[in-house]
C-alpha atoms as a PDB file:
ATOM      1  CA  UNK A   1     -21.149  -1.880  -0.052  1.00  0.00           C
ATOM      2  CA  UNK A   2     -24.289  -3.439  -1.525  1.00  0.00           C
ATOM      3  CA  UNK A   3     -25.499  -5.594   1.355  1.00  0.00           C
ATOM      4  CA  UNK A   4     -28.658  -4.421   3.089  1.00  0.00           C
ATOM      5  CA  UNK A   5     -28.771  -4.203   6.865  1.00  0.00           C
ATOM      6  CA  UNK A   6     -31.686  -4.220   9.210  1.00  0.00           C
ATOM      7  CA  UNK A   7     -30.648  -0.791  10.406  1.00  0.00           C
ATOM      8  CA  UNK A   8     -30.520   1.927   7.780  1.00  0.00           C
ATOM      9  CA  UNK A   9     -28.351   3.910  10.192  1.00  0.00           C
ATOM     10  CA  UNK A  10     -25.916   1.005  10.296  1.00  0.00           C
ATOM     11  CA  UNK A  11     -25.778   1.124   6.488  1.00  0.00           C
ATOM     12  CA  UNK A  12     -25.058   4.826   6.683  1.00  0.00           C
ATOM     13  CA  UNK A  13     -22.298   4.297   9.258  1.00  0.00           C
ATOM     14  CA  UNK A  14     -20.636   1.616   7.142  1.00  0.00           C
ATOM     15  CA  UNK A  15     -20.789   3.748   4.012  1.00  0.00           C
ATOM     16  CA  UNK A  16     -19.317   6.719   5.846  1.00  0.00           C
ATOM     17  CA  UNK A  17     -16.412   4.723   7.237  1.00  0.00           C
ATOM     18  CA  UNK A  18     -15.773   3.075   3.864  1.00  0.00           C
ATOM     19  CA  UNK A  19     -15.796   6.471   2.158  1.00  0.00           C
ATOM     20  CA  UNK A  20     -13.271   7.841   4.625  1.00  0.00           C
ATOM     21  CA  UNK A  21     -11.088   4.801   4.015  1.00  0.00           C
ATOM     22  CA  UNK A  22     -11.179   5.421   0.260  1.00  0.00           C
ATOM     23  CA  UNK A  23     -10.359   9.080   0.885  1.00  0.00           C
ATOM     24  CA  UNK A  24      -7.352   7.990   2.902  1.00  0.00           C
ATOM     25  CA  UNK A  25      -6.404   5.613   0.110  1.00  0.00           C
ATOM     26  CA  UNK A  26      -6.573   8.465  -2.381  1.00  0.00           C
ATOM     27  CA  UNK A  27      -4.189  10.549  -0.280  1.00  0.00           C
ATOM     28  CA  UNK A  28      -1.765   7.645   0.035  1.00  0.00           C
ATOM     29  CA  UNK A  29      -1.875   7.077  -3.731  1.00  0.00           C
ATOM     30  CA  UNK A  30      -1.115  10.770  -4.197  1.00  0.00           C
ATOM     31  CA  UNK A  31       1.893  10.371  -1.914  1.00  0.00           C
ATOM     32  CA  UNK A  32       3.153   7.385  -3.868  1.00  0.00           C
ATOM     33  CA  UNK A  33       2.702   9.061  -7.252  1.00  0.00           C
ATOM     34  CA  UNK A  34       4.427  12.174  -5.949  1.00  0.00           C
ATOM     35  CA  UNK A  35       7.352  10.096  -4.731  1.00  0.00           C
ATOM     36  CA  UNK A  36       7.523   8.196  -8.049  1.00  0.00           C
ATOM     37  CA  UNK A  37       7.663  11.447 -10.021  1.00  0.00           C
ATOM     38  CA  UNK A  38      10.130  13.015  -7.598  1.00  0.00           C
ATOM     39  CA  UNK A  39      12.371   9.981  -8.066  1.00  0.00           C
ATOM     40  CA  UNK A  40      12.417  10.633 -11.820  1.00  0.00           C
ATOM     41  CA  UNK A  41      12.933  14.394 -11.891  1.00  0.00           C
ATOM     42  CA  UNK A  42      14.222  15.057  -8.358  1.00  0.00           C
ATOM     43  CA  UNK A  43      11.596  17.721  -7.746  1.00  0.00           C
ATOM     44  CA  UNK A  44      11.989  19.257  -4.301  1.00  0.00           C
ATOM     45  CA  UNK A  45       8.460  20.715  -4.550  1.00  0.00           C
ATOM     46  CA  UNK A  46       6.972  17.235  -5.033  1.00  0.00           C
ATOM     47  CA  UNK A  47       9.086  15.862  -2.224  1.00  0.00           C
ATOM     48  CA  UNK A  48       7.775  18.514   0.150  1.00  0.00           C
ATOM     49  CA  UNK A  49       4.189  17.837  -0.974  1.00  0.00           C
ATOM     50  CA  UNK A  50       4.575  14.149  -0.089  1.00  0.00           C
ATOM     51  CA  UNK A  51       6.000  15.068   3.306  1.00  0.00           C
ATOM     52  CA  UNK A  52       3.167  17.521   4.009  1.00  0.00           C
ATOM     53  CA  UNK A  53       0.473  14.982   3.057  1.00  0.00           C
ATOM     54  CA  UNK A  54       1.660  12.614   5.769  1.00  0.00           C
ATOM     55  CA  UNK A  55      -0.094  14.607   8.493  1.00  0.00           C
ATOM     56  CA  UNK A  56      -3.428  14.358   6.647  1.00  0.00           C
ATOM     57  CA  UNK A  57      -3.044  10.592   6.311  1.00  0.00           C
ATOM     58  CA  UNK A  58      -2.259  10.216  10.010  1.00  0.00           C
ATOM     59  CA  UNK A  59      -5.281  12.339  10.941  1.00  0.00           C
ATOM     60  CA  UNK A  60      -7.581  10.177   8.807  1.00  0.00           C
ATOM     61  CA  UNK A  61      -6.247   7.017  10.466  1.00  0.00           C
ATOM     62  CA  UNK A  62      -7.193   8.406  13.885  1.00  0.00           C
ATOM     63  CA  UNK A  63     -10.607   9.549  12.611  1.00  0.00           C
ATOM     64  CA  UNK A  64     -11.423   6.165  11.048  1.00  0.00           C
ATOM     65  CA  UNK A  65     -10.337   4.257  14.155  1.00  0.00           C
ATOM     66  CA  UNK A  66     -12.556   6.465  16.301  1.00  0.00           C
ATOM     67  CA  UNK A  67     -15.510   5.970  13.938  1.00  0.00           C
ATOM     68  CA  UNK A  68     -15.041   2.183  13.945  1.00  0.00           C
ATOM     69  CA  UNK A  69     -15.023   2.113  17.733  1.00  0.00           C
ATOM     70  CA  UNK A  70     -18.274   4.089  17.789  1.00  0.00           C
ATOM     71  CA  UNK A  71     -19.966   1.815  15.238  1.00  0.00           C
ATOM     72  CA  UNK A  72     -19.003  -1.357  17.120  1.00  0.00           C
ATOM     73  CA  UNK A  73     -20.187   0.084  20.446  1.00  0.00           C
ATOM     74  CA  UNK A  74     -23.517   1.358  19.145  1.00  0.00           C
ATOM     75  CA  UNK A  75     -24.504  -1.267  16.574  1.00  0.00           C
ATOM     76  CA  UNK A  76     -22.965  -4.462  17.988  1.00  0.00           C
ATOM     77  CA  UNK A  77     -22.422  -5.971  14.512  1.00  0.00           C
ATOM     78  CA  UNK A  78     -22.244  -9.687  13.908  1.00  0.00           C
ATOM     79  CA  UNK A  79     -20.873 -12.064  11.294  1.00  0.00           C
ATOM     80  CA  UNK A  80     -19.904 -10.427   7.994  1.00  0.00           C
ATOM     81  CA  UNK A  81     -20.521  -6.884   9.252  1.00  0.00           C
ATOM     82  CA  UNK A  82     -18.032  -7.410  12.064  1.00  0.00           C
ATOM     83  CA  UNK A  83     -15.519  -8.900   9.622  1.00  0.00           C
ATOM     84  CA  UNK A  84     -15.912  -5.831   7.442  1.00  0.00           C
ATOM     85  CA  UNK A  85     -15.246  -3.455  10.331  1.00  0.00           C
ATOM     86  CA  UNK A  86     -12.238  -5.447  11.527  1.00  0.00           C
ATOM     87  CA  UNK A  87     -10.838  -5.567   7.997  1.00  0.00           C
ATOM     88  CA  UNK A  88     -11.304  -1.821   7.526  1.00  0.00           C
ATOM     89  CA  UNK A  89      -9.308  -1.279  10.712  1.00  0.00           C
ATOM     90  CA  UNK A  90      -6.483  -3.470   9.398  1.00  0.00           C
ATOM     91  CA  UNK A  91      -6.582  -1.879   5.933  1.00  0.00           C
ATOM     92  CA  UNK A  92      -6.406   1.568   7.531  1.00  0.00           C
ATOM     93  CA  UNK A  93      -3.257   0.529   9.381  1.00  0.00           C
ATOM     94  CA  UNK A  94      -1.678  -0.758   6.178  1.00  0.00           C
ATOM     95  CA  UNK A  95      -2.507   2.452   4.328  1.00  0.00           C
ATOM     96  CA  UNK A  96      -0.949   4.533   7.084  1.00  0.00           C
ATOM     97  CA  UNK A  97       2.201   2.454   6.807  1.00  0.00           C
ATOM     98  CA  UNK A  98       2.265   2.909   3.039  1.00  0.00           C
ATOM     99  CA  UNK A  99       2.119   6.645   3.700  1.00  0.00           C
ATOM    100  CA  UNK A 100       5.039   6.223   6.099  1.00  0.00           C
ATOM    101  CA  UNK A 101       7.032   4.451   3.377  1.00  0.00           C
ATOM    102  CA  UNK A 102       6.284   7.223   0.867  1.00  0.00           C
ATOM    103  CA  UNK A 103       7.425   9.735   3.484  1.00  0.00           C
ATOM    104  CA  UNK A 104      10.684   7.856   4.063  1.00  0.00           C
ATOM    105  CA  UNK A 105      11.271   7.511   0.330  1.00  0.00           C
ATOM    106  CA  UNK A 106      10.843  11.247  -0.169  1.00  0.00           C
ATOM    107  CA  UNK A 107      13.309  11.978   2.622  1.00  0.00           C
ATOM    108  CA  UNK A 108      15.876   9.721   0.940  1.00  0.00           C
ATOM    109  CA  UNK A 109      15.285  11.314  -2.472  1.00  0.00           C
ATOM    110  CA  UNK A 110      15.854  14.685  -0.857  1.00  0.00           C
ATOM    111  CA  UNK A 111      19.111  13.356   0.574  1.00  0.00           C
ATOM    112  CA  UNK A 112      20.236  12.261  -2.911  1.00  0.00           C
ATOM    113  CA  UNK A 113      19.357  15.663  -4.374  1.00  0.00           C
ATOM    114  CA  UNK A 114      21.244  17.497  -1.632  1.00  0.00           C
ATOM    115  CA  UNK A 115      24.302  15.246  -2.111  1.00  0.00           C
ATOM    116  CA  UNK A 116      24.642  16.341  -5.738  1.00  0.00           C
ATOM    117  CA  UNK A 117      24.681  12.718  -6.960  1.00  0.00           C
ATOM    118  CA  UNK A 118      21.169  12.782  -8.435  1.00  0.00           C
ATOM    119  CA  UNK A 119      22.359  12.068 -11.965  1.00  0.00           C
ATOM    120  CA  UNK A 120      25.011   9.528 -10.992  1.00  0.00           C
ATOM    121  CA  UNK A 121      22.846   6.763  -9.559  1.00  0.00           C
ATOM    122  CA  UNK A 122      20.800   4.101 -11.445  1.00  0.00           C
ATOM    123  CA  UNK A 123      17.170   5.188 -11.218  1.00  0.00           C
ATOM    124  CA  UNK A 124      15.511   3.476 -14.219  1.00  0.00           C
ATOM    125  CA  UNK A 125      15.153  -0.058 -12.853  1.00  0.00           C
ATOM    126  CA  UNK A 126      13.784   1.181  -9.542  1.00  0.00           C
ATOM    127  CA  UNK A 127      11.230   3.414 -11.278  1.00  0.00           C
ATOM    128  CA  UNK A 128       9.683   0.363 -12.992  1.00  0.00           C
ATOM    129  CA  UNK A 129       9.317  -1.465  -9.668  1.00  0.00           C
ATOM    130  CA  UNK A 130       7.936   1.664  -8.012  1.00  0.00           C
ATOM    131  CA  UNK A 131       5.283   1.998 -10.725  1.00  0.00           C
ATOM    132  CA  UNK A 132       4.275  -1.627 -10.160  1.00  0.00           C
ATOM    133  CA  UNK A 133       3.956  -1.095  -6.405  1.00  0.00           C
ATOM    134  CA  UNK A 134       1.815   2.016  -6.984  1.00  0.00           C
ATOM    135  CA  UNK A 135      -0.408   0.016  -9.326  1.00  0.00           C
ATOM    136  CA  UNK A 136      -0.832  -2.748  -6.734  1.00  0.00           C
ATOM    137  CA  UNK A 137      -2.011  -0.277  -4.083  1.00  0.00           C
ATOM    138  CA  UNK A 138      -4.532   1.204  -6.526  1.00  0.00           C
ATOM    139  CA  UNK A 139      -5.829  -2.226  -7.508  1.00  0.00           C
ATOM    140  CA  UNK A 140      -6.005  -3.392  -3.884  1.00  0.00           C
ATOM    141  CA  UNK A 141      -8.179  -0.388  -3.019  1.00  0.00           C
ATOM    142  CA  UNK A 142     -10.325  -1.055  -6.071  1.00  0.00           C
ATOM    143  CA  UNK A 143     -10.717  -4.694  -5.020  1.00  0.00           C
ATOM    144  CA  UNK A 144     -11.869  -3.501  -1.601  1.00  0.00           C
ATOM    145  CA  UNK A 145     -14.344  -1.017  -3.092  1.00  0.00           C
ATOM    146  CA  UNK A 146     -15.884  -3.769  -5.241  1.00  0.00           C
ATOM    147  CA  UNK A 147     -15.194  -6.649  -2.808  1.00  0.00           C
ATOM    148  CA  UNK A 148     -13.637  -8.456  -5.768  1.00  0.00           C
ATOM    149  CA  UNK A 149     -11.832 -11.619  -4.673  1.00  0.00           C
ATOM    150  CA  UNK A 150     -10.523 -12.425  -8.170  1.00  0.00           C
ATOM    151  CA  UNK A 151      -8.780  -9.060  -8.387  1.00  0.00           C
ATOM    152  CA  UNK A 152      -7.398  -9.511  -4.877  1.00  0.00           C
ATOM    153  CA  UNK A 153      -5.898 -12.877  -5.794  1.00  0.00           C
ATOM    154  CA  UNK A 154      -3.932 -11.472  -8.752  1.00  0.00           C
ATOM    155  CA  UNK A 155      -2.136  -9.054  -6.441  1.00  0.00           C
ATOM    156  CA  UNK A 156      -0.318 -11.880  -4.644  1.00  0.00           C
ATOM    157  CA  UNK A 157       1.635 -13.038  -7.676  1.00  0.00           C
ATOM    158  CA  UNK A 158       2.577  -9.511  -8.700  1.00  0.00           C
ATOM    159  CA  UNK A 159       3.860  -8.784  -5.205  1.00  0.00           C
ATOM    160  CA  UNK A 160       6.181 -11.758  -5.704  1.00  0.00           C
ATOM    161  CA  UNK A 161       7.445  -9.989  -8.837  1.00  0.00           C
ATOM    162  CA  UNK A 162       8.265  -6.882  -6.783  1.00  0.00           C
ATOM    163  CA  UNK A 163      10.197  -9.054  -4.310  1.00  0.00           C
ATOM    164  CA  UNK A 164      12.172 -10.556  -7.209  1.00  0.00           C
ATOM    165  CA  UNK A 165      12.883  -7.128  -8.704  1.00  0.00           C
ATOM    166  CA  UNK A 166      14.119  -5.898  -5.324  1.00  0.00           C
ATOM    167  CA  UNK A 167      16.646  -8.718  -5.085  1.00  0.00           C
ATOM    168  CA  UNK A 168      17.887  -8.028  -8.604  1.00  0.00           C
ATOM    169  CA  UNK A 169      18.162  -4.299  -7.963  1.00  0.00           C
ATOM    170  CA  UNK A 170      20.118  -4.951  -4.766  1.00  0.00           C
ATOM    171  CA  UNK A 171      22.667  -7.016  -6.699  1.00  0.00           C
ATOM    172  CA  UNK A 172      23.029  -4.240  -9.281  1.00  0.00           C
ATOM    173  CA  UNK A 173      23.562  -1.610  -6.606  1.00  0.00           C
ATOM    174  CA  UNK A 174      26.285  -3.666  -4.945  1.00  0.00           C
ATOM    175  CA  UNK A 175      28.082  -3.957  -8.284  1.00  0.00           C
ATOM    176  CA  UNK A 176      27.595  -0.244  -8.928  1.00  0.00           C
ATOM    177  CA  UNK A 177      29.103   0.723  -5.570  1.00  0.00           C
ATOM    178  CA  UNK A 178      32.083  -1.567  -6.125  1.00  0.00           C
ATOM    179  CA  UNK A 179      32.769   0.050  -9.490  1.00  0.00           C
ATOM    180  CA  UNK A 180      32.360   3.622  -8.236  1.00  0.00           C
ATOM    181  CA  UNK A 181      32.918   4.029  -4.471  1.00  0.00           C
ATOM    182  CA  UNK A 182      32.118   7.746  -4.714  1.00  0.00           C
ATOM    183  CA  UNK A 183      28.428   6.894  -5.116  1.00  0.00           C
ATOM    184  CA  UNK A 184      28.183   4.616  -2.078  1.00  0.00           C
ATOM    185  CA  UNK A 185      26.200   7.134  -0.010  1.00  0.00           C
ATOM    186  CA  UNK A 186      23.574   7.786  -2.696  1.00  0.00           C
ATOM    187  CA  UNK A 187      23.450   4.107  -3.623  1.00  0.00           C
ATOM    188  CA  UNK A 188      22.646   3.239  -0.001  1.00  0.00           C
ATOM    189  CA  UNK A 189      19.831   5.806  -0.146  1.00  0.00           C
ATOM    190  CA  UNK A 190      18.544   4.021  -3.256  1.00  0.00           C
ATOM    191  CA  UNK A 191      18.775   0.673  -1.479  1.00  0.00           C
ATOM    192  CA  UNK A 192      16.663   2.081   1.350  1.00  0.00           C
ATOM    193  CA  UNK A 193      14.153   3.386  -1.215  1.00  0.00           C
ATOM    194  CA  UNK A 194      14.015   0.003  -2.937  1.00  0.00           C
ATOM    195  CA  UNK A 195      13.269  -1.721   0.372  1.00  0.00           C
ATOM    196  CA  UNK A 196      10.495   0.791   1.090  1.00  0.00           C
ATOM    197  CA  UNK A 197       9.000   0.090  -2.358  1.00  0.00           C
ATOM    198  CA  UNK A 198       9.057  -3.627  -1.581  1.00  0.00           C
ATOM    199  CA  UNK A 199       7.180  -2.933   1.659  1.00  0.00           C
ATOM    200  CA  UNK A 200       4.529  -0.981  -0.270  1.00  0.00           C
ATOM    201  CA  UNK A 201       3.948  -4.119  -2.333  1.00  0.00           C
ATOM    202  CA  UNK A 202       3.644  -6.134   0.872  1.00  0.00           C
ATOM    203  CA  UNK A 203       0.996  -3.743   2.197  1.00  0.00           C
ATOM    204  CA  UNK A 204      -0.960  -4.046  -1.066  1.00  0.00           C
ATOM    205  CA  UNK A 205      -0.899  -7.813  -0.579  1.00  0.00           C
ATOM    206  CA  UNK A 206      -2.110  -7.387   2.994  1.00  0.00           C
ATOM    207  CA  UNK A 207      -5.068  -5.294   1.816  1.00  0.00           C
ATOM    208  CA  UNK A 208      -5.897  -7.977  -0.744  1.00  0.00           C
ATOM    209  CA  UNK A 209      -5.872 -10.588   2.026  1.00  0.00           C
ATOM    210  CA  UNK A 210      -8.435  -8.598   3.978  1.00  0.00           C
ATOM    211  CA  UNK A 211     -10.699  -8.347   0.923  1.00  0.00           C
ATOM    212  CA  UNK A 212     -10.769 -12.147   0.874  1.00  0.00           C
ATOM    213  CA  UNK A 213     -11.430 -12.174   4.611  1.00  0.00           C
ATOM    214  CA  UNK A 214     -14.412  -9.819   4.232  1.00  0.00           C
ATOM    215  CA  UNK A 215     -16.025 -11.776   1.424  1.00  0.00           C
ATOM    216  CA  UNK A 216     -15.286 -15.356   2.434  1.00  0.00           C
ATOM    217  CA  UNK A 217     -14.453 -15.181   6.137  1.00  0.00           C
ATOM    218  CA  UNK A 218     -11.162 -16.941   5.406  1.00  0.00           C
ATOM    219  CA  UNK A 219      -7.937 -15.689   6.959  1.00  0.00           C
ATOM    220  CA  UNK A 220      -5.265 -16.375   4.325  1.00  0.00           C
ATOM    221  CA  UNK A 221      -2.438 -14.533   6.068  1.00  0.00           C
ATOM    222  CA  UNK A 222       0.862 -16.395   6.482  1.00  0.00           C
ATOM    223  CA  UNK A 223      -0.401 -19.348   4.427  1.00  0.00           C
ATOM    224  CA  UNK A 224       2.107 -20.860   2.027  1.00  0.00           C
ATOM    225  CA  UNK A 225      -0.651 -22.348  -0.102  1.00  0.00           C
ATOM    226  CA  UNK A 226      -3.953 -20.527  -0.071  1.00  0.00           C
ATOM    227  CA  UNK A 227      -7.134 -21.228  -1.986  1.00  0.00           C
ATOM    228  CA  UNK A 228     -10.186 -19.039  -2.340  1.00  0.00           C
ATOM    229  CA  UNK A 229     -13.466 -19.657  -4.095  1.00  0.00           C
ATOM    230  CA  UNK A 230     -14.324 -16.973  -6.616  1.00  0.00           C
ATOM    231  CA  UNK A 231     -17.557 -17.328  -8.617  1.00  0.00           C
ATOM    232  CA  UNK A 232     -17.647 -20.846 -10.007  1.00  0.00           C
ATOM    233  CA  UNK A 233     -13.883 -21.391 -10.169  1.00  0.00           C
ATOM    234  CA  UNK A 234     -11.136 -21.755  -7.629  1.00  0.00           C
ATOM    235  CA  UNK A 235      -8.058 -19.516  -7.506  1.00  0.00           C
ATOM    236  CA  UNK A 236      -4.901 -20.669  -5.808  1.00  0.00           C
ATOM    237  CA  UNK A 237      -2.574 -18.211  -4.106  1.00  0.00           C
ATOM    238  CA  UNK A 238       0.994 -19.326  -3.739  1.00  0.00           C
END
């Protein structure tokens, strides 16, 4: 954060909280990447690593919330500083939920491995969508770190792509189960995974919305047609 505050201690508090948020984001990205790789090679070791990381993510959420409460009580921030703190709180919640999704995905992958159907279910299409969702989380965190509205705006359209891919993958799975009823159980696990991947994209979009809120003070949540001013041009979010 580049803005100067009257209180150097306030600056220090903000930087500390922001750093902890980025640390939490790094752990969540590690969870996602571990789940992506586990989906490709069905590595039980990676699955367990994702599951174990969940406790660290949860602990950071509690720590950040406590720190935010302390900063608000002691510094009584106003205007943009208060928006920043509120947005960090919301972003923290979204990151924790992304971690939850990675945890659920890993549990489902483990179920597929234990069923013995690991090589009988269509993984390729889902892997592409999963990679896109992982990229969106990374870019959303980068947009927050740089308070880059333009980067935040691009995330909206790509989240729409994930939603479209999810619908297409669902249709393929239904066809696959009809052709081979023996894979219904594992295919349902894949459907659950696909839905969790879609939710990860939604959380990336939510983080992007809060970047816009920090910079411009505009709440673009739930808007069907949203416009934000970025530099000298205007970006439309649909």
